[in-house]
Amino acid sequence: MQRGNGPDGDPGGEHDARGPTIFAYVRDRPPPDGSGSNPFEEPLPDDPQHEPGKIGFAPGLVDQIGFDDDAEAAADRCYRALVAVARRPSSSEAYDHFVDLVRANALPTFIDPFIARVAAAAALSRRRVHEIARRLATQGRDRMSVKVGIALLGFAGTASDLEVLMTLGRHAEFTSWVGASLANLLDDPEPSLWELAKTTQGWGQTAMIRQLTSTARPEIRSWILREGITFWTQEEVAYLAATNCHLVEELRVEEPDEPLWRGAGRILETLIECRQYRSHLDIDDYLDARESGPPLCPTRGARGAEPRHVSAPRDDRRLPRGPPSDVPHALRRSCEPTTAGQMERARPPRDRDLGPLDAPPTAMASTRRRVAAV
């Protein structure tokens, strides 16, 4: 398919009859106005027209699900096409063929093995890979090409690519990919990851909090506890926030501040609701982790305050229900046992048929977590 001689067939511009590049579209979005809507979760230009009765995916959600048996073969096809582009940089046919192969993939599971092949190829010029990556990230008109460009920038990019990555990372469709690339690219990625965490919502913010919960910076831990757990997708990171950011220790100060109380309430409520899901660590796991430590919730006599910002769990029949004023007491009773015997008597039995707590992660999610840990 002939597209022209410029990047992605565009002779140097960001707009043509096909519409804007994805980079230009995200860059030109207005910032959130505080109304609750987020322009960085809106559909991208390559989204198909919504068909009534069909279910779509929230931005970033498709990266969390699915397994593609063809991932290795697709990675090999894309790698061979990339080599052809690197060897013939002036060939629009070679580049167009590479882009066609990339965007033919419905799921991004091929990207991890593709990057592994690129990293192992001693004969590939890093400079040429960087040029191709930048071209994909800034001139791509489909999300899969942009994701491949972001991933390649994490391998072959420089500090000059930070603005491009931070711009794309504002949209939840690309945030997790940008986070992994920043971890590879920067000696200290945490300030950039934190900036994205405060800008994004949904799956994008969840990905950034997952990377940031291992931080040693008290200001980032404080933000995660007070403002980080705000969206339903954070069920999978609520346990990390409570443990790695030292929720109990923060609550043991003489006068916990109001934002901390509210954040603690959201975290504990989320952990309670996580009892429904076999793949997430939940309130029972948190109690196990605290078994030899202080009680999870301070009492009125100990700290002069009630854990008053925990609302009734919506879908858990194993904890007492009642007026909201009764819920903190019910929650505290569930949280106070500290011996193994008391713990077992206070806790409802798990459904042993649900399988292990942690579902097998996808290859790319596993890679992003490994990158973040380095």
Protein backbone atom coordinates (compact mmCIF):
# COMPACT_ATOMS: atom_id res chain seq x y z
CA MET A 1 0.00 0.00 0.00
CA GLN A 2 1.55 3.29 -1.12
CA ARG A 3 1.13 6.14 1.35
CA GLY A 4 3.68 8.70 0.26
CA ASN A 5 7.23 9.68 1.08
CA GLY A 6 6.78 11.45 4.42
CA PRO A 7 6.43 9.86 7.86
CA ASP A 8 3.48 7.48 7.73
CA GLY A 9 2.76 8.85 4.28
CA ASP A 10 2.44 12.43 5.58
CA PRO A 11 4.83 14.86 3.88
CA GLY A 12 5.90 16.45 7.16
CA GLY A 13 2.49 17.63 8.44
CA GLU A 14 0.30 16.39 11.28
CA HIS A 15 -3.05 16.73 9.51
CA ASP A 16 -4.36 15.57 6.16
CA ALA A 17 -7.58 14.14 4.75
CA ARG A 18 -7.30 11.21 7.17
CA GLY A 19 -7.34 13.53 10.19
CA PRO A 20 -4.67 14.32 12.79
CA THR A 21 -1.89 12.06 13.96
CA ILE A 22 -2.58 10.53 17.35
CA PHE A 23 0.27 12.55 18.88
CA ALA A 24 -1.20 15.83 17.59
CA TYR A 25 -4.67 14.80 18.76
CA VAL A 26 -3.51 14.08 22.33
CA ARG A 27 -1.23 17.13 22.45
CA ASP A 28 -4.04 19.48 21.43
CA ARG A 29 -6.58 18.19 23.97
CA PRO A 30 -7.51 20.79 26.61
CA PRO A 31 -6.54 19.87 30.19
CA PRO A 32 -9.22 18.46 32.53
CA ASP A 33 -11.49 21.27 33.80
CA GLY A 34 -12.40 19.69 37.13
CA SER A 35 -15.92 18.76 36.00
CA GLY A 36 -15.21 15.04 36.32
CA SER A 37 -14.71 14.42 32.61
CA ASN A 38 -11.22 13.78 31.31
CA PRO A 39 -10.36 14.55 27.68
CA PHE A 40 -7.49 12.08 27.96
CA GLU A 41 -9.96 9.22 28.21
CA GLU A 42 -11.91 10.22 25.11
CA PRO A 43 -11.90 8.01 21.99
CA LEU A 44 -8.85 8.33 19.75
CA PRO A 45 -9.05 9.24 16.04
CA ASP A 46 -8.60 5.59 15.02
CA ASP A 47 -11.56 4.38 17.09
CA PRO A 48 -14.29 2.85 14.89
CA GLN A 49 -17.71 4.42 15.01
CA HIS A 50 -19.57 3.03 17.99
CA GLU A 51 -22.19 0.49 17.02
CA PRO A 52 -25.27 0.37 19.28
CA GLY A 53 -25.44 -2.82 21.30
CA LYS A 54 -21.71 -3.50 21.09
CA ILE A 55 -19.41 -3.22 24.09
CA GLY A 56 -16.28 -1.12 23.76
CA PHE A 57 -13.14 -0.98 25.88
CA ALA A 58 -12.14 1.83 28.22
CA PRO A 59 -8.79 3.39 27.26
CA GLY A 60 -5.97 1.12 28.43
CA LEU A 61 -8.23 -1.80 29.36
CA VAL A 62 -7.38 -3.98 26.38
CA ASP A 63 -3.73 -4.01 27.52
CA GLN A 64 -4.80 -5.77 30.73
CA ILE A 65 -6.61 -8.69 29.13
CA GLY A 66 -6.26 -11.36 26.54
CA PHE A 67 -3.63 -13.77 25.32
CA ASP A 68 -2.61 -14.14 21.70
CA ASP A 69 -1.27 -17.51 20.57
CA ASP A 70 0.20 -15.74 17.55
CA ALA A 71 2.22 -13.22 19.60
CA GLU A 72 5.64 -14.79 18.95
CA ALA A 73 4.99 -15.24 15.24
CA ALA A 74 3.66 -11.68 14.98
CA ALA A 75 6.72 -10.39 16.82
CA ASP A 76 8.96 -12.21 14.37
CA ARG A 77 7.13 -10.79 11.36
CA CYS A 78 7.30 -7.26 12.72
CA TYR A 79 10.97 -7.62 13.63
CA ARG A 80 11.92 -8.73 10.12
CA ALA A 81 9.97 -5.82 8.67
CA LEU A 82 11.74 -3.41 11.04
CA VAL A 83 15.13 -4.71 9.90
CA ALA A 84 14.09 -4.04 6.30
CA VAL A 85 13.15 -0.46 7.19
CA ALA A 86 16.47 0.07 8.99
CA ARG A 87 18.38 -1.21 5.97
CA ARG A 88 16.37 0.86 3.48
CA PRO A 89 15.49 4.08 5.33
CA SER A 90 14.39 5.89 2.19
CA SER A 91 11.95 3.17 1.14
CA SER A 92 8.35 4.16 1.79
CA GLU A 93 7.28 0.65 0.75
CA ALA A 94 9.36 -0.96 3.50
CA TYR A 95 8.01 1.43 6.13
CA ASP A 96 4.40 1.05 4.97
CA HIS A 97 4.72 -2.74 5.09
CA PHE A 98 6.08 -2.56 8.64
CA VAL A 99 3.20 -0.34 9.76
CA ASP A 100 0.66 -2.65 8.12
CA LEU A 101 2.07 -5.63 10.02
CA VAL A 102 2.06 -3.73 13.32
CA ARG A 103 -1.50 -2.51 13.13
CA ALA A 104 -2.80 -5.88 11.93
CA ASN A 105 -2.49 -7.06 15.56
CA ALA A 106 -5.68 -6.78 17.59
CA LEU A 107 -3.81 -7.16 20.90
CA PRO A 108 -0.45 -5.69 21.92
CA THR A 109 0.87 -8.97 23.33
CA PHE A 110 3.37 -9.20 20.47
CA ILE A 111 5.22 -6.04 21.58
CA ASP A 112 7.23 -7.60 24.42
CA PRO A 113 8.73 -10.39 22.28
CA PHE A 114 9.22 -7.90 19.45
CA ILE A 115 11.25 -5.57 21.70
CA ALA A 116 13.23 -8.57 22.97
CA ARG A 117 14.25 -9.38 19.39
CA VAL A 118 15.25 -5.77 18.73
CA ALA A 119 17.31 -5.62 21.93
CA ALA A 120 19.15 -8.83 21.01
CA ALA A 121 19.98 -7.70 17.45
CA ALA A 122 23.57 -6.51 17.48
CA ALA A 123 23.47 -5.60 13.80
CA LEU A 124 20.63 -3.07 14.15
CA SER A 125 21.71 0.56 14.31
CA ARG A 126 20.42 2.16 17.50
CA ARG A 127 20.23 5.50 15.70
CA ARG A 128 18.03 4.03 12.97
CA VAL A 129 15.79 2.33 15.53
CA HIS A 130 15.43 5.66 17.31
CA GLU A 131 14.42 7.40 14.08
CA ILE A 132 11.79 4.75 13.35
CA ALA A 133 10.51 4.87 16.93
CA ARG A 134 10.16 8.64 16.88
CA ARG A 135 8.38 8.47 13.54
CA LEU A 136 5.89 5.91 14.82
CA ALA A 137 5.23 7.80 18.06
CA THR A 138 4.75 11.24 16.53
CA GLN A 139 3.33 10.44 13.08
CA GLY A 140 1.37 7.23 13.66
CA ARG A 141 -2.36 7.33 12.98
CA ASP A 142 -3.25 4.07 14.72
CA ARG A 143 -2.71 3.25 18.38
CA MET A 144 -0.76 0.04 17.83
CA SER A 145 1.90 1.85 15.81
CA VAL A 146 2.14 4.51 18.51
CA LYS A 147 2.51 1.87 21.24
CA VAL A 148 5.32 0.19 19.30
CA GLY A 149 6.96 3.60 18.88
CA ILE A 150 6.72 4.27 22.62
CA ALA A 151 8.19 0.86 23.43
CA LEU A 152 11.07 1.38 20.99
CA LEU A 153 11.79 4.81 22.49
CA GLY A 154 12.19 3.10 25.85
CA PHE A 155 14.92 0.99 24.25
CA ALA A 156 16.62 3.44 21.87
CA GLY A 157 15.39 6.87 22.96
CA THR A 158 17.18 9.80 24.56
CA ALA A 159 16.26 12.54 27.02
CA SER A 160 15.09 14.60 24.04
CA ASP A 161 12.13 12.22 23.70
CA LEU A 162 10.76 13.01 27.17
CA GLU A 163 8.30 15.63 25.90
CA VAL A 164 6.90 13.24 23.31
CA LEU A 165 6.47 10.47 25.88
CA MET A 166 4.90 12.73 28.50
CA THR A 167 2.44 14.08 25.92
CA LEU A 168 1.32 10.62 24.82
CA GLY A 169 1.27 9.37 28.40
CA ARG A 170 -1.51 11.79 29.30
CA HIS A 171 -3.97 9.57 27.42
CA ALA A 172 -4.90 6.42 29.36
CA GLU A 173 -4.49 4.30 26.22
CA PHE A 174 -0.73 4.88 26.33
CA THR A 175 0.09 5.64 29.98
CA SER A 176 1.34 2.20 31.00
CA TRP A 177 3.56 1.97 27.92
CA VAL A 178 5.02 5.39 28.59
CA GLY A 179 5.63 4.45 32.23
CA ALA A 180 7.69 1.42 31.22
CA SER A 181 9.67 3.44 28.69
CA LEU A 182 10.38 6.20 31.22
CA ALA A 183 11.70 3.59 33.66
CA ASN A 184 14.14 2.44 30.97
CA LEU A 185 15.02 5.88 29.69
CA LEU A 186 15.53 7.97 32.83
CA ASP A 187 17.87 7.51 35.77
CA ASP A 188 15.15 8.88 38.04
CA PRO A 189 11.74 8.36 36.44
CA GLU A 190 9.63 8.90 39.57
CA PRO A 191 8.95 12.65 39.16
CA SER A 192 7.71 12.03 35.61
CA LEU A 193 5.64 9.02 36.66
CA TRP A 194 4.10 11.06 39.48
CA GLU A 195 3.23 13.87 37.07
CA LEU A 196 1.41 11.38 34.85
CA ALA A 197 -0.33 9.81 37.85
CA LYS A 198 -1.76 13.20 38.79
CA THR A 199 -2.86 13.90 35.20
CA THR A 200 -4.48 10.62 34.18
CA GLN A 201 -7.42 8.62 35.47
CA GLY A 202 -8.67 5.06 35.18
CA TRP A 203 -6.30 2.40 33.89
CA GLY A 204 -3.60 4.95 33.14
CA GLN A 205 -3.47 6.22 36.70
CA THR A 206 -3.61 2.66 38.01
CA ALA A 207 -0.51 1.78 35.99
CA MET A 208 1.39 4.76 37.37
CA ILE A 209 0.43 4.02 40.97
CA ARG A 210 1.57 0.42 40.50
CA GLN A 211 4.99 1.70 39.50
CA LEU A 212 5.12 4.35 42.23
CA THR A 213 4.11 2.26 45.26
CA SER A 214 7.73 1.11 45.66
CA THR A 215 8.93 4.71 46.04
CA ALA A 216 10.96 5.85 49.03
CA ARG A 217 9.83 9.47 48.55
CA PRO A 218 7.50 10.44 51.42
CA GLU A 219 5.74 13.10 49.34
CA ILE A 220 4.71 10.52 46.72
CA ARG A 221 3.61 8.01 49.38
CA SER A 222 1.55 10.74 51.02
CA TRP A 223 -0.13 11.60 47.72
CA ILE A 224 -0.96 7.95 46.97
CA LEU A 225 -2.60 7.49 50.38
CA ARG A 226 -4.55 10.74 50.25
CA GLU A 227 -5.42 11.17 46.59
CA GLY A 228 -4.27 8.13 44.61
CA ILE A 229 -7.06 5.61 45.15
CA THR A 230 -10.05 7.30 43.53
CA PHE A 231 -11.19 5.04 40.71
CA TRP A 232 -12.59 1.51 40.54
CA THR A 233 -9.64 0.21 38.49
CA GLN A 234 -7.41 0.76 41.50
CA GLU A 235 -8.72 -2.39 43.18
CA GLU A 236 -5.54 -4.13 42.08
CA VAL A 237 -3.24 -1.52 43.63
CA ALA A 238 -5.12 -0.76 46.88
CA TYR A 239 -3.15 -3.46 48.72
CA LEU A 240 0.16 -2.05 47.44
CA ALA A 241 -0.87 1.43 48.53
CA ALA A 242 -1.83 0.26 52.03
CA THR A 243 1.30 -1.81 52.61
CA ASN A 244 4.11 -0.13 50.68
CA CYS A 245 2.97 3.39 51.58
CA HIS A 246 2.57 2.49 55.29
CA LEU A 247 -1.10 3.32 55.84
CA VAL A 248 -1.19 2.15 59.46
CA GLU A 249 1.92 4.08 60.41
CA GLU A 250 0.46 7.22 58.85
CA LEU A 251 -2.76 6.76 60.85
CA ARG A 252 -0.90 6.37 64.14
CA VAL A 253 0.09 10.03 64.29
CA GLU A 254 -1.61 12.07 67.01
CA GLU A 255 -3.95 13.94 64.66
CA PRO A 256 -4.39 12.37 61.20
CA ASP A 257 -5.46 15.02 58.72
CA GLU A 258 -8.81 14.96 56.94
CA PRO A 259 -7.43 14.01 53.47
CA LEU A 260 -5.65 11.04 55.07
CA TRP A 261 -8.86 9.86 56.74
CA ARG A 262 -10.71 10.10 53.46
CA GLY A 263 -7.95 8.31 51.55
CA ALA A 264 -7.74 5.56 54.19
CA GLY A 265 -11.50 5.08 53.95
CA ARG A 266 -11.31 4.63 50.18
CA ILE A 267 -8.40 2.19 50.45
CA LEU A 268 -10.08 0.04 53.12
CA GLU A 269 -13.42 0.07 51.31
CA THR A 270 -11.65 -1.01 48.12
CA LEU A 271 -9.84 -3.83 49.94
CA ILE A 272 -13.16 -5.07 51.33
CA GLU A 273 -14.72 -5.11 47.86
CA CYS A 274 -11.69 -6.97 46.52
CA ARG A 275 -12.91 -10.07 48.37
CA GLN A 276 -15.04 -10.73 45.29
CA TYR A 277 -12.07 -11.08 42.94
CA ARG A 278 -9.66 -13.98 42.94
CA SER A 279 -6.92 -12.00 41.20
CA HIS A 280 -6.60 -9.15 43.72
CA LEU A 281 -5.17 -9.05 47.23
CA ASP A 282 -7.94 -8.01 49.61
CA ILE A 283 -8.71 -6.97 53.19
CA ASP A 284 -8.04 -10.49 54.50
CA ASP A 285 -4.55 -10.47 53.00
CA TYR A 286 -3.95 -7.06 54.52
CA LEU A 287 -5.04 -8.34 57.93
CA ASP A 288 -2.64 -11.25 57.52
CA ALA A 289 0.16 -8.81 56.74
CA ARG A 290 -0.73 -6.78 59.87
CA GLU A 291 -1.28 -9.84 62.11
CA SER A 292 1.77 -9.24 64.30
CA GLY A 293 1.52 -5.45 64.12
CA PRO A 294 -0.79 -2.82 65.62
CA PRO A 295 -4.55 -2.86 64.95
CA LEU A 296 -5.47 -1.68 61.50
CA CYS A 297 -7.80 1.10 62.65
CA PRO A 298 -7.05 3.32 65.66
CA THR A 299 -9.75 3.56 68.34
CA ARG A 300 -11.32 6.75 69.64
CA GLY A 301 -9.52 6.44 72.97
CA ALA A 302 -6.15 5.84 71.34
CA ARG A 303 -6.19 8.62 68.77
CA GLY A 304 -9.25 10.74 69.48
CA ALA A 305 -10.86 10.06 66.12
CA GLU A 306 -13.17 7.61 64.40
CA PRO A 307 -12.44 5.94 61.02
CA ARG A 308 -15.53 7.77 59.78
CA HIS A 309 -14.80 7.81 56.06
CA VAL A 310 -15.45 4.13 55.32
CA SER A 311 -18.84 3.65 53.69
CA ALA A 312 -20.88 0.46 53.57
CA PRO A 313 -19.33 -2.07 51.13
CA ARG A 314 -21.63 -2.45 48.15
CA ASP A 315 -21.26 -6.14 47.36
CA ASP A 316 -19.94 -7.96 50.43
CA ARG A 317 -22.56 -9.75 52.51
CA ARG A 318 -20.00 -11.12 54.93
CA LEU A 319 -19.64 -7.86 56.85
CA PRO A 320 -22.50 -6.36 58.88
CA ARG A 321 -24.65 -3.84 57.06
CA GLY A 322 -26.51 -0.95 58.58
CA PRO A 323 -26.62 2.82 58.70
CA PRO A 324 -23.36 4.48 57.63
CA SER A 325 -22.66 5.51 61.24
CA ASP A 326 -22.50 1.82 62.22
CA VAL A 327 -20.10 0.77 59.49
CA PRO A 328 -16.85 2.11 61.05
CA HIS A 329 -17.55 0.08 64.20
CA ALA A 330 -18.26 -3.06 62.17
CA LEU A 331 -15.12 -2.52 60.14
CA ARG A 332 -13.02 -1.92 63.23
CA ARG A 333 -14.30 -5.12 64.83
CA SER A 334 -13.26 -6.99 61.69
CA CYS A 335 -9.84 -5.38 61.73
CA GLU A 336 -8.82 -5.65 65.38
CA PRO A 337 -8.00 -9.41 65.84
CA THR A 338 -4.26 -9.88 66.13
CA THR A 339 -3.78 -13.59 66.92
CA ALA A 340 -4.04 -16.41 64.42
CA GLY A 341 -6.98 -17.99 66.25
CA GLN A 342 -8.93 -14.76 66.49
CA MET A 343 -8.16 -14.02 62.86
CA GLU A 344 -9.61 -17.32 61.65
CA ARG A 345 -12.76 -16.96 63.79
CA ALA A 346 -13.36 -13.38 62.61
CA ARG A 347 -12.82 -14.05 58.92
CA PRO A 348 -15.31 -15.83 56.66
CA PRO A 349 -13.80 -18.81 54.83
CA ARG A 350 -12.41 -18.25 51.36
CA ASP A 351 -13.96 -19.99 48.41
CA ARG A 352 -11.20 -22.50 47.71
CA ASP A 353 -12.58 -23.14 44.24
CA LEU A 354 -11.60 -19.67 43.09
CA GLY A 355 -7.96 -20.59 42.50
CA PRO A 356 -4.85 -18.59 43.34
CA LEU A 357 -5.03 -14.94 44.35
CA ASP A 358 -2.87 -13.77 41.48
CA ALA A 359 -4.04 -14.60 37.99
CA PRO A 360 -1.20 -15.22 35.54
CA PRO A 361 -0.13 -11.81 34.21
CA THR A 362 0.17 -11.18 30.54
CA ALA A 363 3.68 -11.10 29.14
CA MET A 364 3.64 -7.38 28.50
CA ALA A 365 2.21 -6.54 31.94
CA SER A 366 4.90 -8.73 33.49
CA THR A 367 7.57 -6.93 31.49
CA ARG A 368 6.27 -3.52 32.51
CA ARG A 369 6.34 -4.54 36.17
CA ARG A 370 9.88 -5.89 35.81
CA VAL A 371 11.01 -2.70 34.11
CA ALA A 372 9.45 -0.61 36.84
CA ALA A 373 11.25 -2.61 39.51
CA VAL A 374 14.72 -2.07 38.03
